[in-house]
Amino acid sequence: MGDRVVPAGKCVLQAANAAADTILIRNDDKMVRLFSSTSLGDARNVPASNQLVFHKYGERYFLAAVRVQGTRIMYWLPESKQETRLRQQDQSSAEETIHAF
């Protein structure tokens, strides 16, 4: 997230302020806590569960957005420098969505 790596494992995402324009991602097992600004957007459809949207370049995953269950609300995260470099190098990418609980 941003220019920091969040280790795989159980992560908690939550609004970090009342405006919900900043989120906190934490992995308590790895003692990682990161804040990120977000941009609010609308999803095309209403997801049945909370979802994390990743951009995948090879074996690297970059968190791109968070979709909120039962709403069209979508929180976009800024692109990291590493992801920007990969995209500018025309690296093939894919979008992967996982269900979050």
N, C-alpha and C. Protein backbone atom coordinates (compact mmCIF):
# COMPACT_ATOMS: atom_id res chain seq x y z
N MET A 1 0.85 -1.16 0.00
CA MET A 1 0.00 0.00 0.00
C MET A 1 0.90 1.23 0.00
N GLY A 2 0.62 2.14 -0.91
CA GLY A 2 1.53 3.25 -1.06
C GLY A 2 2.88 2.68 -1.46
N ASP A 3 3.92 3.03 -0.76
CA ASP A 3 5.24 2.48 -1.05
C ASP A 3 5.69 1.50 0.02
N ARG A 4 4.74 0.97 0.79
CA ARG A 4 5.05 0.00 1.84
C ARG A 4 4.42 -1.34 1.50
N VAL A 5 5.07 -2.38 1.90
CA VAL A 5 4.57 -3.74 1.68
C VAL A 5 3.82 -4.18 2.92
N VAL A 6 2.62 -4.69 2.72
CA VAL A 6 1.85 -5.27 3.82
C VAL A 6 1.96 -6.78 3.68
N PRO A 7 2.52 -7.45 4.68
CA PRO A 7 2.67 -8.91 4.59
C PRO A 7 1.33 -9.61 4.45
N ALA A 8 1.34 -10.74 3.78
CA ALA A 8 0.14 -11.54 3.64
C ALA A 8 -0.33 -11.99 5.02
N GLY A 9 -1.61 -12.17 5.15
CA GLY A 9 -2.18 -12.61 6.41
C GLY A 9 -3.46 -11.87 6.69
N LYS A 10 -3.96 -12.00 7.90
CA LYS A 10 -5.21 -11.35 8.27
C LYS A 10 -4.97 -9.86 8.46
N CYS A 11 -5.69 -9.07 7.66
CA CYS A 11 -5.60 -7.61 7.73
C CYS A 11 -6.96 -7.04 8.05
N VAL A 12 -6.96 -5.93 8.77
CA VAL A 12 -8.19 -5.22 9.10
C VAL A 12 -8.12 -3.87 8.42
N LEU A 13 -9.21 -3.52 7.71
CA LEU A 13 -9.33 -2.21 7.08
C LEU A 13 -10.46 -1.47 7.76
N GLN A 14 -10.23 -0.20 8.07
CA GLN A 14 -11.27 0.59 8.70
C GLN A 14 -11.08 2.05 8.36
N ALA A 15 -12.18 2.81 8.42
CA ALA A 15 -12.10 4.25 8.21
C ALA A 15 -11.26 4.83 9.34
N ALA A 16 -10.37 5.76 8.99
CA ALA A 16 -9.48 6.35 10.00
C ALA A 16 -9.97 7.71 10.48
N ASN A 17 -10.99 8.25 9.80
CA ASN A 17 -11.55 9.52 10.22
C ASN A 17 -13.03 9.57 9.86
N ALA A 18 -13.72 10.58 10.36
CA ALA A 18 -15.17 10.68 10.14
C ALA A 18 -15.52 10.92 8.67
N ALA A 19 -14.65 11.58 7.93
CA ALA A 19 -14.91 11.86 6.52
C ALA A 19 -14.71 10.62 5.65
N ALA A 20 -14.10 9.59 6.20
CA ALA A 20 -13.82 8.33 5.49
C ALA A 20 -12.97 8.54 4.25
N ASP A 21 -12.13 9.57 4.26
CA ASP A 21 -11.22 9.78 3.14
C ASP A 21 -9.81 9.28 3.44
N THR A 22 -9.68 8.64 4.58
CA THR A 22 -8.42 7.99 4.98
C THR A 22 -8.78 6.65 5.59
N ILE A 23 -8.04 5.62 5.18
CA ILE A 23 -8.27 4.30 5.77
C ILE A 23 -7.03 3.84 6.51
N LEU A 24 -7.25 2.97 7.47
CA LEU A 24 -6.19 2.32 8.21
C LEU A 24 -6.21 0.85 7.83
N ILE A 25 -5.05 0.33 7.46
CA ILE A 25 -4.90 -1.10 7.20
C ILE A 25 -3.91 -1.61 8.22
N ARG A 26 -4.32 -2.66 8.93
CA ARG A 26 -3.40 -3.19 9.93
C ARG A 26 -3.36 -4.70 9.87
N ASN A 27 -2.18 -5.21 10.13
CA ASN A 27 -1.95 -6.64 10.25
C ASN A 27 -1.32 -6.80 11.63
N ASP A 28 -2.15 -7.13 12.61
CA ASP A 28 -1.68 -7.20 14.00
C ASP A 28 -0.63 -8.28 14.20
N ASP A 29 -0.74 -9.40 13.49
CA ASP A 29 0.23 -10.48 13.63
C ASP A 29 1.64 -10.03 13.23
N LYS A 30 1.71 -9.16 12.22
CA LYS A 30 3.01 -8.68 11.72
C LYS A 30 3.34 -7.29 12.26
N MET A 31 2.47 -6.76 13.14
CA MET A 31 2.66 -5.44 13.74
C MET A 31 2.83 -4.34 12.69
N VAL A 32 1.94 -4.34 11.71
CA VAL A 32 1.96 -3.34 10.63
C VAL A 32 0.69 -2.52 10.71
N ARG A 33 0.85 -1.19 10.67
CA ARG A 33 -0.28 -0.27 10.62
C ARG A 33 0.06 0.82 9.61
N LEU A 34 -0.80 0.94 8.60
CA LEU A 34 -0.57 1.93 7.56
C LEU A 34 -1.83 2.74 7.30
N PHE A 35 -1.65 4.01 7.06
CA PHE A 35 -2.74 4.89 6.69
C PHE A 35 -2.62 5.23 5.21
N SER A 36 -3.75 5.39 4.54
CA SER A 36 -3.75 5.80 3.14
C SER A 36 -4.93 6.71 2.88
N SER A 37 -4.69 7.73 2.07
CA SER A 37 -5.80 8.56 1.62
C SER A 37 -6.59 7.76 0.59
N THR A 38 -7.83 8.12 0.38
CA THR A 38 -8.67 7.45 -0.60
C THR A 38 -9.43 8.49 -1.42
N SER A 39 -9.89 8.06 -2.57
CA SER A 39 -10.80 8.86 -3.39
C SER A 39 -12.10 8.08 -3.50
N LEU A 40 -13.19 8.76 -3.31
CA LEU A 40 -14.50 8.11 -3.36
C LEU A 40 -14.96 7.97 -4.80
N GLY A 41 -15.51 6.79 -5.11
CA GLY A 41 -16.04 6.55 -6.44
C GLY A 41 -17.27 5.66 -6.36
N ASP A 42 -17.86 5.42 -7.51
CA ASP A 42 -19.05 4.55 -7.60
C ASP A 42 -18.69 3.28 -8.34
N ALA A 43 -19.08 2.16 -7.77
CA ALA A 43 -18.91 0.87 -8.44
C ALA A 43 -20.01 0.70 -9.49
N ARG A 44 -19.74 -0.12 -10.49
CA ARG A 44 -20.74 -0.37 -11.53
C ARG A 44 -21.95 -1.13 -11.00
N ASN A 45 -21.68 -2.03 -10.05
CA ASN A 45 -22.78 -2.81 -9.49
C ASN A 45 -22.62 -2.89 -7.97
N VAL A 46 -23.61 -3.41 -7.31
CA VAL A 46 -23.61 -3.50 -5.86
C VAL A 46 -23.08 -4.87 -5.45
N PRO A 47 -21.95 -4.94 -4.77
CA PRO A 47 -21.41 -6.24 -4.38
C PRO A 47 -22.18 -6.85 -3.21
N ALA A 48 -22.25 -8.18 -3.19
CA ALA A 48 -22.94 -8.90 -2.12
C ALA A 48 -22.06 -9.01 -0.87
N SER A 49 -20.76 -8.72 -1.00
CA SER A 49 -19.85 -8.76 0.14
C SER A 49 -18.84 -7.64 -0.01
N ASN A 50 -18.16 -7.30 1.07
CA ASN A 50 -17.05 -6.35 0.97
C ASN A 50 -15.99 -6.97 0.07
N GLN A 51 -15.33 -6.13 -0.73
CA GLN A 51 -14.34 -6.67 -1.67
C GLN A 51 -13.09 -5.79 -1.69
N LEU A 52 -11.96 -6.46 -1.87
CA LEU A 52 -10.69 -5.77 -2.09
C LEU A 52 -10.32 -5.99 -3.54
N VAL A 53 -9.98 -4.91 -4.24
CA VAL A 53 -9.62 -4.98 -5.65
C VAL A 53 -8.12 -4.76 -5.76
N PHE A 54 -7.42 -5.71 -6.37
CA PHE A 54 -5.98 -5.64 -6.53
C PHE A 54 -5.61 -5.55 -8.00
N HIS A 55 -4.53 -4.83 -8.29
CA HIS A 55 -3.90 -4.90 -9.60
C HIS A 55 -2.73 -5.85 -9.44
N LYS A 56 -2.62 -6.83 -10.34
CA LYS A 56 -1.59 -7.86 -10.23
C LYS A 56 -0.62 -7.73 -11.40
N TYR A 57 0.66 -7.64 -11.08
CA TYR A 57 1.75 -7.62 -12.06
C TYR A 57 2.66 -8.79 -11.72
N GLY A 58 2.62 -9.84 -12.51
CA GLY A 58 3.39 -11.04 -12.18
C GLY A 58 2.91 -11.59 -10.85
N GLU A 59 3.81 -11.70 -9.88
CA GLU A 59 3.46 -12.20 -8.55
C GLU A 59 3.26 -11.07 -7.54
N ARG A 60 3.23 -9.82 -8.00
CA ARG A 60 3.06 -8.67 -7.11
C ARG A 60 1.64 -8.16 -7.17
N TYR A 61 1.07 -7.91 -6.01
CA TYR A 61 -0.29 -7.42 -5.89
C TYR A 61 -0.28 -6.02 -5.29
N PHE A 62 -1.08 -5.13 -5.86
CA PHE A 62 -1.19 -3.76 -5.37
C PHE A 62 -2.66 -3.48 -5.07
N LEU A 63 -2.97 -3.13 -3.82
CA LEU A 63 -4.34 -2.82 -3.45
C LEU A 63 -4.76 -1.55 -4.17
N ALA A 64 -5.84 -1.64 -4.95
CA ALA A 64 -6.30 -0.51 -5.76
C ALA A 64 -7.57 0.11 -5.21
N ALA A 65 -8.47 -0.71 -4.66
CA ALA A 65 -9.76 -0.18 -4.22
C ALA A 65 -10.41 -1.11 -3.20
N VAL A 66 -11.34 -0.55 -2.46
CA VAL A 66 -12.16 -1.28 -1.51
C VAL A 66 -13.61 -1.01 -1.88
N ARG A 67 -14.38 -2.09 -2.07
CA ARG A 67 -15.81 -1.97 -2.38
C ARG A 67 -16.61 -2.36 -1.15
N VAL A 68 -17.66 -1.60 -0.88
CA VAL A 68 -18.45 -1.79 0.33
C VAL A 68 -19.72 -2.58 0.03
N GLN A 69 -19.92 -3.63 0.78
CA GLN A 69 -21.07 -4.53 0.64
C GLN A 69 -22.39 -3.76 0.64
N GLY A 70 -23.26 -4.11 -0.32
CA GLY A 70 -24.61 -3.56 -0.35
C GLY A 70 -24.73 -2.13 -0.83
N THR A 71 -23.61 -1.52 -1.26
CA THR A 71 -23.63 -0.14 -1.76
C THR A 71 -22.81 -0.06 -3.04
N ARG A 72 -22.91 1.05 -3.72
CA ARG A 72 -22.05 1.30 -4.89
C ARG A 72 -20.79 2.06 -4.48
N ILE A 73 -20.58 2.25 -3.19
CA ILE A 73 -19.42 3.00 -2.71
C ILE A 73 -18.14 2.22 -2.97
N MET A 74 -17.16 2.92 -3.51
CA MET A 74 -15.86 2.33 -3.81
C MET A 74 -14.78 3.33 -3.39
N TYR A 75 -13.84 2.89 -2.59
CA TYR A 75 -12.74 3.73 -2.14
C TYR A 75 -11.50 3.38 -2.95
N TRP A 76 -10.99 4.32 -3.73
CA TRP A 76 -9.79 4.12 -4.55
C TRP A 76 -8.57 4.56 -3.77
N LEU A 77 -7.51 3.77 -3.82
CA LEU A 77 -6.25 4.12 -3.17
C LEU A 77 -5.28 4.66 -4.21
N PRO A 78 -4.39 5.56 -3.81
CA PRO A 78 -3.42 6.08 -4.77
C PRO A 78 -2.46 4.99 -5.24
N GLU A 79 -2.02 5.12 -6.47
CA GLU A 79 -1.08 4.16 -7.04
C GLU A 79 0.31 4.40 -6.46
N SER A 80 0.99 3.31 -6.11
CA SER A 80 2.35 3.42 -5.55
C SER A 80 3.35 3.71 -6.66
N LYS A 81 4.52 4.15 -6.27
CA LYS A 81 5.59 4.41 -7.25
C LYS A 81 5.98 3.13 -7.98
N GLN A 82 6.01 2.02 -7.25
CA GLN A 82 6.38 0.74 -7.88
C GLN A 82 5.35 0.32 -8.92
N GLU A 83 4.08 0.48 -8.60
CA GLU A 83 3.05 0.12 -9.57
C GLU A 83 3.11 1.05 -10.79
N THR A 84 3.34 2.32 -10.56
CA THR A 84 3.45 3.27 -11.68
C THR A 84 4.59 2.87 -12.60
N ARG A 85 5.74 2.48 -12.03
CA ARG A 85 6.88 2.05 -12.87
C ARG A 85 6.53 0.82 -13.69
N LEU A 86 5.88 -0.16 -13.06
CA LEU A 86 5.50 -1.38 -13.77
C LEU A 86 4.52 -1.06 -14.90
N ARG A 87 3.54 -0.20 -14.62
CA ARG A 87 2.56 0.16 -15.64
C ARG A 87 3.23 0.91 -16.80
N GLN A 88 4.16 1.80 -16.49
CA GLN A 88 4.87 2.56 -17.52
C GLN A 88 5.79 1.68 -18.36
N GLN A 89 6.22 0.56 -17.80
CA GLN A 89 7.06 -0.39 -18.54
C GLN A 89 6.20 -1.36 -19.35
N ASP A 90 4.92 -1.09 -19.42
CA ASP A 90 3.96 -1.94 -20.15
C ASP A 90 3.97 -3.38 -19.66
N GLN A 91 4.16 -3.56 -18.35
CA GLN A 91 4.07 -4.89 -17.77
C GLN A 91 2.61 -5.34 -17.87
N SER A 92 2.39 -6.59 -18.20
CA SER A 92 1.01 -7.07 -18.26
C SER A 92 0.44 -7.10 -16.85
N SER A 93 -0.83 -6.74 -16.75
CA SER A 93 -1.47 -6.69 -15.45
C SER A 93 -2.86 -7.31 -15.55
N ALA A 94 -3.37 -7.64 -14.39
CA ALA A 94 -4.72 -8.18 -14.29
C ALA A 94 -5.35 -7.58 -13.05
N GLU A 95 -6.68 -7.57 -13.03
CA GLU A 95 -7.39 -7.10 -11.85
C GLU A 95 -7.97 -8.31 -11.15
N GLU A 96 -7.72 -8.41 -9.86
CA GLU A 96 -8.25 -9.52 -9.07
C GLU A 96 -9.04 -8.96 -7.89
N THR A 97 -10.17 -9.56 -7.64
CA THR A 97 -11.04 -9.15 -6.54
C THR A 97 -11.18 -10.30 -5.57
N ILE A 98 -11.02 -9.98 -4.28
CA ILE A 98 -11.26 -11.00 -3.27
C ILE A 98 -12.34 -10.51 -2.34
N HIS A 99 -13.09 -11.44 -1.78
CA HIS A 99 -14.15 -11.13 -0.83
C HIS A 99 -13.52 -10.93 0.53
N ALA A 100 -13.92 -9.88 1.21
CA ALA A 100 -13.39 -9.58 2.54
C ALA A 100 -14.49 -9.74 3.57
N PHE A 101 -14.13 -10.18 4.73
CA PHE A 101 -15.12 -10.40 5.80
C PHE A 101 -14.91 -9.42 6.91
